[in-house]
Amino acid sequence: MRIQLIRHATLRLIINNKTILVDPVLSKKGTMPYIPNVSNRNRNPLVELPIDVNDIVRTDAVLLTHMHSDHFDETAARLLPKNIPIFCQSEDEVKVRQKEFYSVNPIEKDCCWNDIIFKRVGGQHGKGEVAKQMGIVSGYVIKTKNEPSLYITGDTVWCLEVEKALEIYNPELVVIFAGAAQLTEGGIPITMNKEDIFHICKKVPKSKVIVVHMEAWNHCSLMRKELRSFLKDNSLLGQVSIPKDGEYMEY
């Protein structure tokens, strides 16, 4: 299995000789609005794509965790072929079809495609009323023969759904959508922060952890340097990878 961080939550998975594009956001730097009410007022995305967009859209399938604009943007919807298989949480099927894609595969619980199994798991995009406002989000456990099992958390904080997913599936690889994103300055995080990452590492100490969803959107406050220092202080650098945009990892 090969995993490439493209930018933010956009990943390229090469598994069972198939390429799966996760949460494609393909807009150029600074062409999308900033999230209001936080100190960073730079327009999104904060950084350019590290590779050519025409290379990114050459993919066998797309996997969406949810439909927020920092996980699936109008540029991706325009550039991706309309016949590409798209896998999404069942609640988003209509929204994807409204963008004129016609090979949409809603996942209620699980799905199999080219001997690759997708198992949907829950999460909480924040806490309390904020989580309700943010709507339904999903993570996915992905499995195929002779390759490591992979859990992509999606946009969630540490919660019972995440803990149960780790207990049930005991994934060999965990991709965490971090960044400690927040909707208001000093507000409650709506994605994982340092402490949430610590909880996952301690829950599955034998799993390799990959942290993404940082330094590309203005409401994400957790930086790579700060996280690396925290991991070093907690003796977790051997377990956790913090890839750069464009970096490939092979397992």
Protein backbone atom coordinates (compact mmCIF):
# COMPACT_ATOMS: atom_id res chain seq x y z
CA MET A 1 0.00 0.00 0.00
CA ARG A 2 1.15 3.50 -0.85
CA ILE A 3 -0.33 6.63 0.69
CA GLN A 4 0.39 10.10 -0.62
CA LEU A 5 -0.62 13.25 1.18
CA ILE A 6 -1.51 15.74 -1.51
CA ARG A 7 -2.76 18.63 0.65
CA HIS A 8 -4.98 19.00 3.73
CA ALA A 9 -7.30 15.96 3.66
CA THR A 10 -6.69 15.10 0.00
CA LEU A 11 -4.91 11.76 -0.19
CA ARG A 12 -4.00 9.32 -2.90
CA LEU A 13 -4.17 5.65 -1.93
CA ILE A 14 -2.66 2.93 -4.08
CA ILE A 15 -4.15 -0.32 -2.89
CA ASN A 16 -4.67 -3.64 -4.68
CA ASN A 17 -3.29 -1.98 -7.84
CA LYS A 18 -6.04 0.64 -7.76
CA THR A 19 -5.72 4.37 -7.11
CA ILE A 20 -8.28 5.97 -4.81
CA LEU A 21 -8.46 9.74 -4.37
CA VAL A 22 -9.72 10.77 -0.93
CA ASP A 23 -11.52 14.10 -0.32
CA PRO A 24 -10.32 15.95 -3.43
CA VAL A 25 -9.92 19.71 -3.07
CA LEU A 26 -8.15 20.99 -6.17
CA SER A 27 -8.58 24.76 -6.08
CA LYS A 28 -5.54 26.98 -6.50
CA LYS A 29 -4.06 28.76 -3.49
CA GLY A 30 -6.16 31.65 -2.21
CA THR A 31 -9.15 31.14 -4.50
CA MET A 32 -11.65 30.11 -1.82
CA PRO A 33 -13.03 32.22 1.08
CA TYR A 34 -11.45 32.13 4.52
CA ILE A 35 -13.36 30.69 7.48
CA PRO A 36 -14.49 33.77 9.47
CA ASN A 37 -14.04 34.42 13.20
CA VAL A 38 -10.50 33.09 13.48
CA SER A 39 -7.28 35.08 13.53
CA ASN A 40 -5.88 33.81 10.24
CA ARG A 41 -7.71 35.77 7.52
CA ASN A 42 -5.80 34.39 4.56
CA ARG A 43 -7.94 32.95 1.80
CA ASN A 44 -8.06 29.21 1.29
CA PRO A 45 -6.30 27.00 0.44
CA LEU A 46 -3.24 28.46 2.15
CA VAL A 47 -0.79 26.53 -0.05
CA GLU A 48 -0.64 25.38 -3.65
CA LEU A 49 -1.05 21.79 -4.78
CA PRO A 50 2.37 20.07 -4.70
CA ILE A 51 1.78 18.18 -7.97
CA ASP A 52 0.02 18.86 -11.25
CA VAL A 53 -3.76 18.75 -10.98
CA ASN A 54 -4.01 16.73 -14.21
CA ASP A 55 -1.99 14.00 -12.53
CA ILE A 56 -4.24 14.05 -9.47
CA VAL A 57 -7.48 13.52 -11.37
CA ARG A 58 -6.10 10.42 -13.09
CA THR A 59 -7.57 8.04 -10.55
CA ASP A 60 -9.69 4.88 -10.46
CA ALA A 61 -12.14 6.02 -7.78
CA VAL A 62 -12.93 8.74 -5.26
CA LEU A 63 -13.75 8.33 -1.56
CA LEU A 64 -15.51 11.17 0.28
CA THR A 65 -15.68 11.42 4.05
CA HIS A 66 -18.22 14.26 3.85
CA MET A 67 -19.14 17.18 1.62
CA HIS A 68 -17.70 20.23 3.38
CA SER A 69 -15.90 22.52 0.93
CA ASP A 70 -12.46 21.75 2.35
CA HIS A 71 -13.04 18.08 1.51
CA PHE A 72 -14.73 18.28 -1.90
CA ASP A 73 -14.65 21.53 -3.82
CA GLU A 74 -16.19 22.78 -7.04
CA THR A 75 -12.87 22.56 -8.87
CA ALA A 76 -12.65 18.83 -8.16
CA ALA A 77 -16.28 18.39 -9.15
CA ARG A 78 -15.54 20.10 -12.47
CA LEU A 79 -12.27 18.31 -13.28
CA LEU A 80 -13.08 14.74 -12.28
CA PRO A 81 -14.72 12.55 -14.95
CA LYS A 82 -18.46 12.29 -14.38
CA ASN A 83 -18.33 8.50 -14.73
CA ILE A 84 -15.70 8.01 -12.00
CA PRO A 85 -16.88 5.71 -9.18
CA ILE A 86 -17.47 7.83 -6.10
CA PHE A 87 -17.92 6.26 -2.67
CA CYS A 88 -19.57 8.42 -0.01
CA GLN A 89 -21.67 8.26 3.13
CA SER A 90 -25.26 7.50 2.18
CA GLU A 91 -26.45 10.89 3.45
CA ASP A 92 -24.40 12.60 0.73
CA GLU A 93 -25.55 10.57 -2.27
CA VAL A 94 -28.01 13.18 -3.51
CA LYS A 95 -25.48 16.01 -3.18
CA VAL A 96 -22.91 14.09 -5.21
CA ARG A 97 -25.45 13.23 -7.92
CA GLN A 98 -26.44 16.90 -8.08
CA LYS A 99 -22.89 17.56 -9.28
CA GLU A 100 -23.73 15.29 -12.26
CA PHE A 101 -21.73 12.26 -11.18
CA TYR A 102 -23.61 9.10 -12.06
CA SER A 103 -21.49 6.26 -10.67
CA VAL A 104 -22.22 7.11 -7.03
CA ASN A 105 -21.90 4.34 -4.44
CA PRO A 106 -23.46 5.31 -1.09
CA ILE A 107 -22.10 3.43 1.91
CA GLU A 108 -24.48 2.78 4.76
CA LYS A 109 -22.33 0.16 6.51
CA ASP A 110 -19.89 -1.40 4.06
CA CYS A 111 -19.09 -1.82 0.40
CA CYS A 112 -16.76 -3.95 -1.75
CA TRP A 113 -15.11 -2.77 -4.97
CA ASN A 114 -12.32 -4.62 -6.79
CA ASP A 115 -11.75 -6.79 -3.71
CA ILE A 116 -11.29 -3.68 -1.58
CA ILE A 117 -13.66 -3.49 1.38
CA PHE A 118 -14.79 -0.14 2.77
CA LYS A 119 -16.34 -0.20 6.24
CA ARG A 120 -17.97 3.02 7.35
CA VAL A 121 -17.48 4.19 10.93
CA GLY A 122 -18.84 7.19 12.80
CA GLY A 123 -17.33 10.29 14.31
CA GLN A 124 -18.17 13.64 15.85
CA HIS A 125 -17.16 16.81 14.01
CA GLY A 126 -16.79 18.72 17.27
CA LYS A 127 -18.70 18.43 20.52
CA GLY A 128 -22.23 19.20 21.70
CA GLU A 129 -24.23 21.69 19.66
CA VAL A 130 -21.24 22.42 17.41
CA ALA A 131 -21.09 18.79 16.30
CA LYS A 132 -24.81 18.87 15.48
CA GLN A 133 -24.34 22.00 13.39
CA MET A 134 -21.44 20.47 11.50
CA GLY A 135 -23.57 17.53 10.40
CA ILE A 136 -22.91 13.86 9.78
CA VAL A 137 -19.34 12.80 9.03
CA SER A 138 -17.77 9.42 8.45
CA GLY A 139 -14.48 7.61 8.69
CA TYR A 140 -13.62 4.46 6.77
CA VAL A 141 -11.71 1.28 7.47
CA ILE A 142 -10.26 -0.05 4.21
CA LYS A 143 -9.13 -3.64 3.78
CA THR A 144 -7.87 -5.92 1.04
CA LYS A 145 -5.88 -9.15 1.00
CA ASN A 146 -2.14 -9.05 1.66
CA GLU A 147 -2.06 -5.35 2.48
CA PRO A 148 -2.29 -3.45 5.78
CA SER A 149 -5.70 -2.46 7.08
CA LEU A 150 -6.21 1.31 7.02
CA TYR A 151 -8.50 3.53 9.10
CA ILE A 152 -9.12 7.07 7.86
CA THR A 153 -10.74 8.97 10.72
CA GLY A 154 -12.39 11.73 8.70
CA ASP A 155 -13.22 15.01 10.42
CA THR A 156 -13.80 14.02 14.02
CA VAL A 157 -12.51 14.57 17.52
CA TRP A 158 -11.61 11.77 19.91
CA CYS A 159 -14.97 10.25 20.84
CA LEU A 160 -16.70 6.96 21.56
CA GLU A 161 -17.21 6.20 17.85
CA VAL A 162 -13.48 6.50 17.16
CA GLU A 163 -12.57 4.45 20.22
CA LYS A 164 -14.97 1.67 19.19
CA ALA A 165 -13.63 1.64 15.62
CA LEU A 166 -10.11 1.15 16.95
CA GLU A 167 -11.27 -1.64 19.25
CA ILE A 168 -13.29 -3.50 16.61
CA TYR A 169 -10.90 -3.24 13.65
CA ASN A 170 -7.49 -2.76 15.30
CA PRO A 171 -6.14 -1.18 12.08
CA GLU A 172 -2.50 -1.46 11.18
CA LEU A 173 -2.49 2.10 9.81
CA VAL A 174 -4.44 5.12 11.05
CA VAL A 175 -4.71 8.37 9.08
CA ILE A 176 -5.80 11.17 11.42
CA PHE A 177 -7.46 14.33 10.16
CA ALA A 178 -5.98 16.75 12.68
CA GLY A 179 -5.26 20.49 12.66
CA ALA A 180 -7.36 21.31 15.75
CA ALA A 181 -9.69 23.20 13.41
CA GLN A 182 -12.06 25.65 15.08
CA LEU A 183 -14.92 27.87 13.99
CA THR A 184 -14.20 30.74 16.40
CA GLU A 185 -10.97 32.03 17.86
CA GLY A 186 -10.22 29.96 20.97
CA GLY A 187 -13.24 27.77 20.33
CA ILE A 188 -13.70 24.03 20.81
CA PRO A 189 -11.79 22.04 18.16
CA ILE A 190 -13.86 20.32 15.48
CA THR A 191 -10.98 18.09 14.34
CA MET A 192 -8.33 16.28 16.33
CA ASN A 193 -5.79 18.15 18.43
CA LYS A 194 -2.56 16.96 20.04
CA GLU A 195 -4.34 15.30 22.94
CA ASP A 196 -6.71 13.41 20.62
CA ILE A 197 -3.74 12.10 18.65
CA PHE A 198 -2.16 10.99 21.93
CA HIS A 199 -5.34 9.05 22.81
CA ILE A 200 -5.26 7.19 19.49
CA CYS A 201 -1.58 6.32 19.84
CA LYS A 202 -2.15 4.88 23.30
CA LYS A 203 -5.28 3.00 22.22
CA VAL A 204 -3.48 1.23 19.35
CA PRO A 205 0.23 1.34 20.27
CA LYS A 206 1.19 -1.15 17.55
CA SER A 207 -0.49 0.81 14.76
CA LYS A 208 1.39 3.24 12.54
CA VAL A 209 -0.23 6.68 12.68
CA ILE A 210 -0.16 9.29 9.90
CA VAL A 211 -1.30 12.82 10.70
CA VAL A 212 -2.68 15.08 7.94
CA HIS A 213 -5.19 17.97 7.65
CA MET A 214 -2.76 20.69 8.75
CA GLU A 215 -1.37 24.02 7.52
CA ALA A 216 -3.61 24.29 4.44
CA TRP A 217 -6.84 25.83 5.77
CA ASN A 218 -7.14 29.01 7.79
CA HIS A 219 -9.18 27.54 10.66
CA CYS A 220 -6.60 24.84 11.47
CA SER A 221 -4.46 26.00 14.38
CA LEU A 222 -2.21 22.96 14.98
CA MET A 223 1.06 23.23 13.06
CA ARG A 224 3.44 20.42 12.14
CA LYS A 225 6.30 21.88 14.22
CA GLU A 226 4.16 22.11 17.35
CA LEU A 227 2.85 18.57 16.89
CA ARG A 228 6.31 17.17 16.30
CA SER A 229 7.54 18.76 19.54
CA PHE A 230 4.57 17.31 21.44
CA LEU A 231 5.19 13.84 20.01
CA LYS A 232 8.87 14.04 20.90
CA ASP A 233 8.03 14.99 24.49
CA ASN A 234 5.71 11.97 24.68
CA SER A 235 8.08 9.51 22.94
CA LEU A 236 5.70 8.99 20.02
CA LEU A 237 7.82 10.02 17.03
CA GLY A 238 8.57 6.37 16.31
CA GLN A 239 4.87 5.63 15.90
CA VAL A 240 3.67 8.78 14.15
CA SER A 241 4.48 10.21 10.72
CA ILE A 242 3.78 13.84 9.81
CA PRO A 243 4.13 13.92 6.02
CA LYS A 244 4.80 16.99 3.94
CA ASP A 245 2.44 17.88 1.10
CA GLY A 246 3.20 15.60 -1.85
CA GLU A 247 5.04 13.01 0.27
CA TYR A 248 4.56 9.29 -0.38
CA MET A 249 4.59 6.64 2.35
CA GLU A 250 4.80 2.93 1.62
CA TYR A 251 3.62 0.12 3.89
